């Protein structure tokens, strides 16, 4: 699950450094789930994720804040 999420990052425009930071802060499994949620929500009918990297950075910030 982690390796496909890492590959998906490149496909949806998430920098590898941001991916590595997410893994460091949340752990690999949680980061992988978050990437999958980000990818799926790019197609959300009401509130799509328009900036996947920005969304992931926001989640990293929230994880650090507790």
PDB file of N, CA and C in Angstrom:
ATOM      1  N   UNK A   1       0.817  -1.183   0.000  1.00  0.00           N
ATOM      2  CA  UNK A   1       0.000   0.000   0.000  1.00  0.00           C
ATOM      3  C   UNK A   1       0.872   1.263   0.000  1.00  0.00           C
ATOM      4  N   UNK A   2       1.988   1.225   0.661  1.00  0.00           N
ATOM      5  CA  UNK A   2       2.843   2.403   0.778  1.00  0.00           C
ATOM      6  C   UNK A   2       3.524   2.730  -0.552  1.00  0.00           C
ATOM      7  N   UNK A   3       4.052   1.731  -1.222  1.00  0.00           N
ATOM      8  CA  UNK A   3       4.752   1.981  -2.490  1.00  0.00           C
ATOM      9  C   UNK A   3       3.801   2.524  -3.562  1.00  0.00           C
ATOM     10  N   UNK A   4       2.610   1.975  -3.740  1.00  0.00           N
ATOM     11  CA  UNK A   4       1.686   2.578  -4.706  1.00  0.00           C
ATOM     12  C   UNK A   4       1.328   4.033  -4.354  1.00  0.00           C
ATOM     13  N   UNK A   5       1.207   4.334  -3.085  1.00  0.00           N
ATOM     14  CA  UNK A   5       0.906   5.714  -2.677  1.00  0.00           C
ATOM     15  C   UNK A   5       2.067   6.638  -3.024  1.00  0.00           C
ATOM     16  N   UNK A   6       3.279   6.173  -2.830  1.00  0.00           N
ATOM     17  CA  UNK A   6       4.456   6.977  -3.169  1.00  0.00           C
ATOM     18  C   UNK A   6       4.480   7.268  -4.668  1.00  0.00           C
ATOM     19  N   UNK A   7       4.153   6.281  -5.464  1.00  0.00           N
ATOM     20  CA  UNK A   7       4.109   6.456  -6.916  1.00  0.00           C
ATOM     21  C   UNK A   7       2.977   7.408  -7.299  1.00  0.00           C
ATOM     22  N   UNK A   8       1.845   7.286  -6.635  1.00  0.00           N
ATOM     23  CA  UNK A   8       0.703   8.157  -6.899  1.00  0.00           C
ATOM     24  C   UNK A   8       1.045   9.613  -6.635  1.00  0.00           C
ATOM     25  N   UNK A   9       1.886   9.862  -5.641  1.00  0.00           N
ATOM     26  CA  UNK A   9       2.299  11.243  -5.356  1.00  0.00           C
ATOM     27  C   UNK A   9       2.853  11.906  -6.602  1.00  0.00           C
ATOM     28  N   UNK A  10       3.752  11.222  -7.285  1.00  0.00           N
ATOM     29  CA  UNK A  10       4.347  11.784  -8.497  1.00  0.00           C
ATOM     30  C   UNK A  10       3.288  12.015  -9.571  1.00  0.00           C
ATOM     31  N   UNK A  11       2.318  11.144  -9.636  1.00  0.00           N
ATOM     32  CA  UNK A  11       1.278  11.249 -10.663  1.00  0.00           C
ATOM     33  C   UNK A  11       0.319  12.409 -10.431  1.00  0.00           C
ATOM     34  N   UNK A  12       0.091  12.764  -9.162  1.00  0.00           N
ATOM     35  CA  UNK A  12      -0.878  13.828  -8.869  1.00  0.00           C
ATOM     36  C   UNK A  12      -0.210  15.134  -8.449  1.00  0.00           C
ATOM     37  N   UNK A  13       1.112  15.181  -8.490  1.00  0.00           N
ATOM     38  CA  UNK A  13       1.814  16.442  -8.265  1.00  0.00           C
ATOM     39  C   UNK A  13       2.257  16.714  -6.843  1.00  0.00           C
ATOM     40  N   UNK A  14       2.517  15.655  -6.087  1.00  0.00           N
ATOM     41  CA  UNK A  14       3.035  15.821  -4.735  1.00  0.00           C
ATOM     42  C   UNK A  14       4.529  15.532  -4.769  1.00  0.00           C
ATOM     43  N   UNK A  15       5.309  16.503  -4.349  1.00  0.00           N
ATOM     44  CA  UNK A  15       6.760  16.411  -4.330  1.00  0.00           C
ATOM     45  C   UNK A  15       7.216  15.304  -3.393  1.00  0.00           C
ATOM     46  N   UNK A  16       8.293  14.622  -3.756  1.00  0.00           N
ATOM     47  CA  UNK A  16       8.771  13.506  -2.921  1.00  0.00           C
ATOM     48  C   UNK A  16       9.213  13.970  -1.540  1.00  0.00           C
ATOM     49  N   UNK A  17       9.659  15.221  -1.424  1.00  0.00           N
ATOM     50  CA  UNK A  17      10.057  15.733  -0.114  1.00  0.00           C
ATOM     51  C   UNK A  17       8.848  15.895   0.799  1.00  0.00           C
ATOM     52  N   UNK A  18       7.733  16.286   0.224  1.00  0.00           N
ATOM     53  CA  UNK A  18       6.494  16.408   1.007  1.00  0.00           C
ATOM     54  C   UNK A  18       6.018  15.018   1.424  1.00  0.00           C
ATOM     55  N   UNK A  19       6.120  14.048   0.517  1.00  0.00           N
ATOM     56  CA  UNK A  19       5.784  12.663   0.857  1.00  0.00           C
ATOM     57  C   UNK A  19       6.655  12.178   2.013  1.00  0.00           C
ATOM     58  N   UNK A  20       7.948  12.409   1.920  1.00  0.00           N
ATOM     59  CA  UNK A  20       8.865  11.976   2.986  1.00  0.00           C
ATOM     60  C   UNK A  20       8.541  12.643   4.311  1.00  0.00           C
ATOM     61  N   UNK A  21       8.174  13.911   4.278  1.00  0.00           N
ATOM     62  CA  UNK A  21       7.788  14.616   5.496  1.00  0.00           C
ATOM     63  C   UNK A  21       6.519  14.012   6.091  1.00  0.00           C
ATOM     64  N   UNK A  22       5.560  13.686   5.231  1.00  0.00           N
ATOM     65  CA  UNK A  22       4.322  13.060   5.714  1.00  0.00           C
ATOM     66  C   UNK A  22       4.616  11.730   6.391  1.00  0.00           C
ATOM     67  N   UNK A  23       5.485  10.937   5.788  1.00  0.00           N
ATOM     68  CA  UNK A  23       5.858   9.643   6.376  1.00  0.00           C
ATOM     69  C   UNK A  23       6.534   9.857   7.724  1.00  0.00           C
ATOM     70  N   UNK A  24       7.410  10.842   7.803  1.00  0.00           N
ATOM     71  CA  UNK A  24       8.115  11.117   9.058  1.00  0.00           C
ATOM     72  C   UNK A  24       7.155  11.559  10.158  1.00  0.00           C
ATOM     73  N   UNK A  25       6.201  12.396   9.818  1.00  0.00           N
ATOM     74  CA  UNK A  25       5.291  12.955  10.816  1.00  0.00           C
ATOM     75  C   UNK A  25       4.182  11.973  11.201  1.00  0.00           C
ATOM     76  N   UNK A  26       3.596  11.278  10.209  1.00  0.00           N
ATOM     77  CA  UNK A  26       2.410  10.450  10.462  1.00  0.00           C
ATOM     78  C   UNK A  26       2.669   8.961  10.442  1.00  0.00           C
ATOM     79  N   UNK A  27       3.767   8.576   9.844  1.00  0.00           N
ATOM     80  CA  UNK A  27       4.005   7.163   9.615  1.00  0.00           C
ATOM     81  C   UNK A  27       3.601   6.803   8.198  1.00  0.00           C
ATOM     82  N   UNK A  28       4.189   5.755   7.671  1.00  0.00           N
ATOM     83  CA  UNK A  28       4.007   5.381   6.272  1.00  0.00           C
ATOM     84  C   UNK A  28       2.559   4.998   5.952  1.00  0.00           C
ATOM     85  N   UNK A  29       1.919   4.243   6.821  1.00  0.00           N
ATOM     86  CA  UNK A  29       0.556   3.788   6.543  1.00  0.00           C
ATOM     87  C   UNK A  29      -0.415   4.961   6.497  1.00  0.00           C
ATOM     88  N   UNK A  30      -0.355   5.843   7.487  1.00  0.00           N
ATOM     89  CA  UNK A  30      -1.257   7.001   7.515  1.00  0.00           C
ATOM     90  C   UNK A  30      -0.997   7.922   6.326  1.00  0.00           C
ATOM     91  N   UNK A  31       0.262   8.114   5.975  1.00  0.00           N
ATOM     92  CA  UNK A  31       0.592   8.952   4.824  1.00  0.00           C
ATOM     93  C   UNK A  31       0.033   8.337   3.544  1.00  0.00           C
ATOM     94  N   UNK A  32       0.135   7.031   3.412  1.00  0.00           N
ATOM     95  CA  UNK A  32      -0.393   6.348   2.231  1.00  0.00           C
ATOM     96  C   UNK A  32      -1.905   6.517   2.130  1.00  0.00           C
ATOM     97  N   UNK A  33      -2.593   6.348   3.234  1.00  0.00           N
ATOM     98  CA  UNK A  33      -4.053   6.529   3.240  1.00  0.00           C
ATOM     99  C   UNK A  33      -4.398   7.963   2.853  1.00  0.00           C
ATOM    100  N   UNK A  34      -3.669   8.916   3.384  1.00  0.00           N
ATOM    101  CA  UNK A  34      -3.941  10.314   3.076  1.00  0.00           C
ATOM    102  C   UNK A  34      -3.735  10.622   1.596  1.00  0.00           C
ATOM    103  N   UNK A  35      -2.710  10.038   0.994  1.00  0.00           N
ATOM    104  CA  UNK A  35      -2.491  10.244  -0.448  1.00  0.00           C
ATOM    105  C   UNK A  35      -3.662   9.663  -1.235  1.00  0.00           C
ATOM    106  N   UNK A  36      -4.141   8.513  -0.833  1.00  0.00           N
ATOM    107  CA  UNK A  36      -5.284   7.908  -1.526  1.00  0.00           C
ATOM    108  C   UNK A  36      -6.536   8.768  -1.380  1.00  0.00           C
ATOM    109  N   UNK A  37      -6.771   9.271  -0.200  1.00  0.00           N
ATOM    110  CA  UNK A  37      -7.924  10.152   0.041  1.00  0.00           C
ATOM    111  C   UNK A  37      -7.787  11.423  -0.796  1.00  0.00           C
ATOM    112  N   UNK A  38      -6.582  11.954  -0.868  1.00  0.00           N
ATOM    113  CA  UNK A  38      -6.332  13.151  -1.671  1.00  0.00           C
ATOM    114  C   UNK A  38      -6.644  12.897  -3.135  1.00  0.00           C
ATOM    115  N   UNK A  39      -6.153  11.776  -3.651  1.00  0.00           N
ATOM    116  CA  UNK A  39      -6.389  11.453  -5.056  1.00  0.00           C
ATOM    117  C   UNK A  39      -7.884  11.306  -5.351  1.00  0.00           C
ATOM    118  N   UNK A  40      -8.573  10.581  -4.521  1.00  0.00           N
ATOM    119  CA  UNK A  40     -10.013  10.366  -4.721  1.00  0.00           C
ATOM    120  C   UNK A  40     -10.780  11.684  -4.649  1.00  0.00           C
ATOM    121  N   UNK A  41     -10.396  12.541  -3.709  1.00  0.00           N
ATOM    122  CA  UNK A  41     -11.132  13.791  -3.519  1.00  0.00           C
ATOM    123  C   UNK A  41     -10.817  14.858  -4.555  1.00  0.00           C
ATOM    124  N   UNK A  42      -9.921  14.579  -5.479  1.00  0.00           N
ATOM    125  CA  UNK A  42      -9.740  15.492  -6.598  1.00  0.00           C
ATOM    126  C   UNK A  42     -11.003  15.517  -7.457  1.00  0.00           C
ATOM    127  N   UNK A  43     -11.806  14.485  -7.376  1.00  0.00           N
ATOM    128  CA  UNK A  43     -13.038  14.378  -8.155  1.00  0.00           C
ATOM    129  C   UNK A  43     -14.286  14.659  -7.319  1.00  0.00           C
ATOM    130  N   UNK A  44     -14.119  15.165  -6.103  1.00  0.00           N
ATOM    131  CA  UNK A  44     -15.260  15.440  -5.233  1.00  0.00           C
ATOM    132  C   UNK A  44     -16.184  16.444  -5.922  1.00  0.00           C
ATOM    133  N   UNK A  45     -17.492  16.169  -5.941  1.00  0.00           N
ATOM    134  CA  UNK A  45     -18.413  17.025  -6.692  1.00  0.00           C
ATOM    135  C   UNK A  45     -18.607  18.424  -6.104  1.00  0.00           C
ATOM    136  N   UNK A  46     -18.436  18.583  -4.800  1.00  0.00           N
ATOM    137  CA  UNK A  46     -18.687  19.884  -4.171  1.00  0.00           C
ATOM    138  C   UNK A  46     -17.403  20.616  -3.774  1.00  0.00           C
ATOM    139  N   UNK A  47     -16.436  19.883  -3.247  1.00  0.00           N
ATOM    140  CA  UNK A  47     -15.201  20.509  -2.761  1.00  0.00           C
ATOM    141  C   UNK A  47     -13.990  19.698  -3.222  1.00  0.00           C
ATOM    142  N   UNK A  48     -13.667  19.760  -4.509  1.00  0.00           N
ATOM    143  CA  UNK A  48     -12.530  18.970  -4.993  1.00  0.00           C
ATOM    144  C   UNK A  48     -11.207  19.510  -4.473  1.00  0.00           C
ATOM    145  N   UNK A  49     -10.255  18.622  -4.320  1.00  0.00           N
ATOM    146  CA  UNK A  49      -8.893  19.008  -3.956  1.00  0.00           C
ATOM    147  C   UNK A  49      -8.225  19.500  -5.240  1.00  0.00           C
ATOM    148  N   UNK A  50      -7.957  20.785  -5.293  1.00  0.00           N
ATOM    149  CA  UNK A  50      -7.373  21.384  -6.484  1.00  0.00           C
ATOM    150  C   UNK A  50      -5.853  21.414  -6.430  1.00  0.00           C
ATOM    151  N   UNK A  51      -5.308  21.386  -5.220  1.00  0.00           N
ATOM    152  CA  UNK A  51      -3.859  21.432  -5.027  1.00  0.00           C
ATOM    153  C   UNK A  51      -3.458  20.276  -4.105  1.00  0.00           C
ATOM    154  N   UNK A  52      -3.192  19.097  -4.653  1.00  0.00           N
ATOM    155  CA  UNK A  52      -2.893  17.935  -3.822  1.00  0.00           C
ATOM    156  C   UNK A  52      -1.710  18.146  -2.874  1.00  0.00           C
ATOM    157  N   UNK A  53      -0.651  18.788  -3.354  1.00  0.00           N
ATOM    158  CA  UNK A  53       0.502  19.006  -2.484  1.00  0.00           C
ATOM    159  C   UNK A  53       0.153  19.957  -1.343  1.00  0.00           C
ATOM    160  N   UNK A  54      -0.588  20.998  -1.648  1.00  0.00           N
ATOM    161  CA  UNK A  54      -1.018  21.931  -0.605  1.00  0.00           C
ATOM    162  C   UNK A  54      -1.923  21.252   0.411  1.00  0.00           C
ATOM    163  N   UNK A  55      -2.807  20.389  -0.076  1.00  0.00           N
ATOM    164  CA  UNK A  55      -3.694  19.639   0.816  1.00  0.00           C
ATOM    165  C   UNK A  55      -2.883  18.748   1.752  1.00  0.00           C
ATOM    166  N   UNK A  56      -1.902  18.043   1.183  1.00  0.00           N
ATOM    167  CA  UNK A  56      -1.068  17.158   2.001  1.00  0.00           C
ATOM    168  C   UNK A  56      -0.260  17.965   3.015  1.00  0.00           C
ATOM    169  N   UNK A  57       0.275  19.106   2.592  1.00  0.00           N
ATOM    170  CA  UNK A  57       1.016  19.963   3.528  1.00  0.00           C
ATOM    171  C   UNK A  57       0.110  20.413   4.680  1.00  0.00           C
ATOM    172  N   UNK A  58      -1.130  20.736   4.362  1.00  0.00           N
ATOM    173  CA  UNK A  58      -2.072  21.125   5.403  1.00  0.00           C
ATOM    174  C   UNK A  58      -2.337  20.000   6.386  1.00  0.00           C
ATOM    175  N   UNK A  59      -2.427  18.780   5.894  1.00  0.00           N
ATOM    176  CA  UNK A  59      -2.641  17.628   6.773  1.00  0.00           C
ATOM    177  C   UNK A  59      -1.402  17.352   7.632  1.00  0.00           C
ATOM    178  N   UNK A  60      -0.227  17.572   7.069  1.00  0.00           N
ATOM    179  CA  UNK A  60       1.014  17.418   7.852  1.00  0.00           C
ATOM    180  C   UNK A  60       1.020  18.438   8.980  1.00  0.00           C
ATOM    181  N   UNK A  61       0.654  19.671   8.661  1.00  0.00           N
ATOM    182  CA  UNK A  61       0.598  20.730   9.665  1.00  0.00           C
ATOM    183  C   UNK A  61      -0.404  20.358  10.768  1.00  0.00           C
ATOM    184  N   UNK A  62      -1.559  19.856  10.367  1.00  0.00           N
ATOM    185  CA  UNK A  62      -2.578  19.463  11.348  1.00  0.00           C
ATOM    186  C   UNK A  62      -2.080  18.298  12.213  1.00  0.00           C
ATOM    187  N   UNK A  63      -1.378  17.341  11.609  1.00  0.00           N
ATOM    188  CA  UNK A  63      -0.856  16.208  12.376  1.00  0.00           C
ATOM    189  C   UNK A  63       0.164  16.676  13.400  1.00  0.00           C
ATOM    190  N   UNK A  64       0.997  17.626  13.003  1.00  0.00           N
ATOM    191  CA  UNK A  64       1.986  18.163  13.958  1.00  0.00           C
ATOM    192  C   UNK A  64       1.313  18.893  15.107  1.00  0.00           C
ATOM    193  N   UNK A  65       0.215  19.565  14.808  1.00  0.00           N
ATOM    194  CA  UNK A  65      -0.501  20.328  15.830  1.00  0.00           C
ATOM    195  C   UNK A  65      -1.274  19.416  16.785  1.00  0.00           C
ATOM    196  N   UNK A  66      -1.446  18.159  16.359  1.00  0.00           N
ATOM    197  CA  UNK A  66      -2.133  17.217  17.221  1.00  0.00           C
ATOM    198  C   UNK A  66      -3.581  17.135  16.910  1.00  0.00           C
TER     199      UNK A  66
END
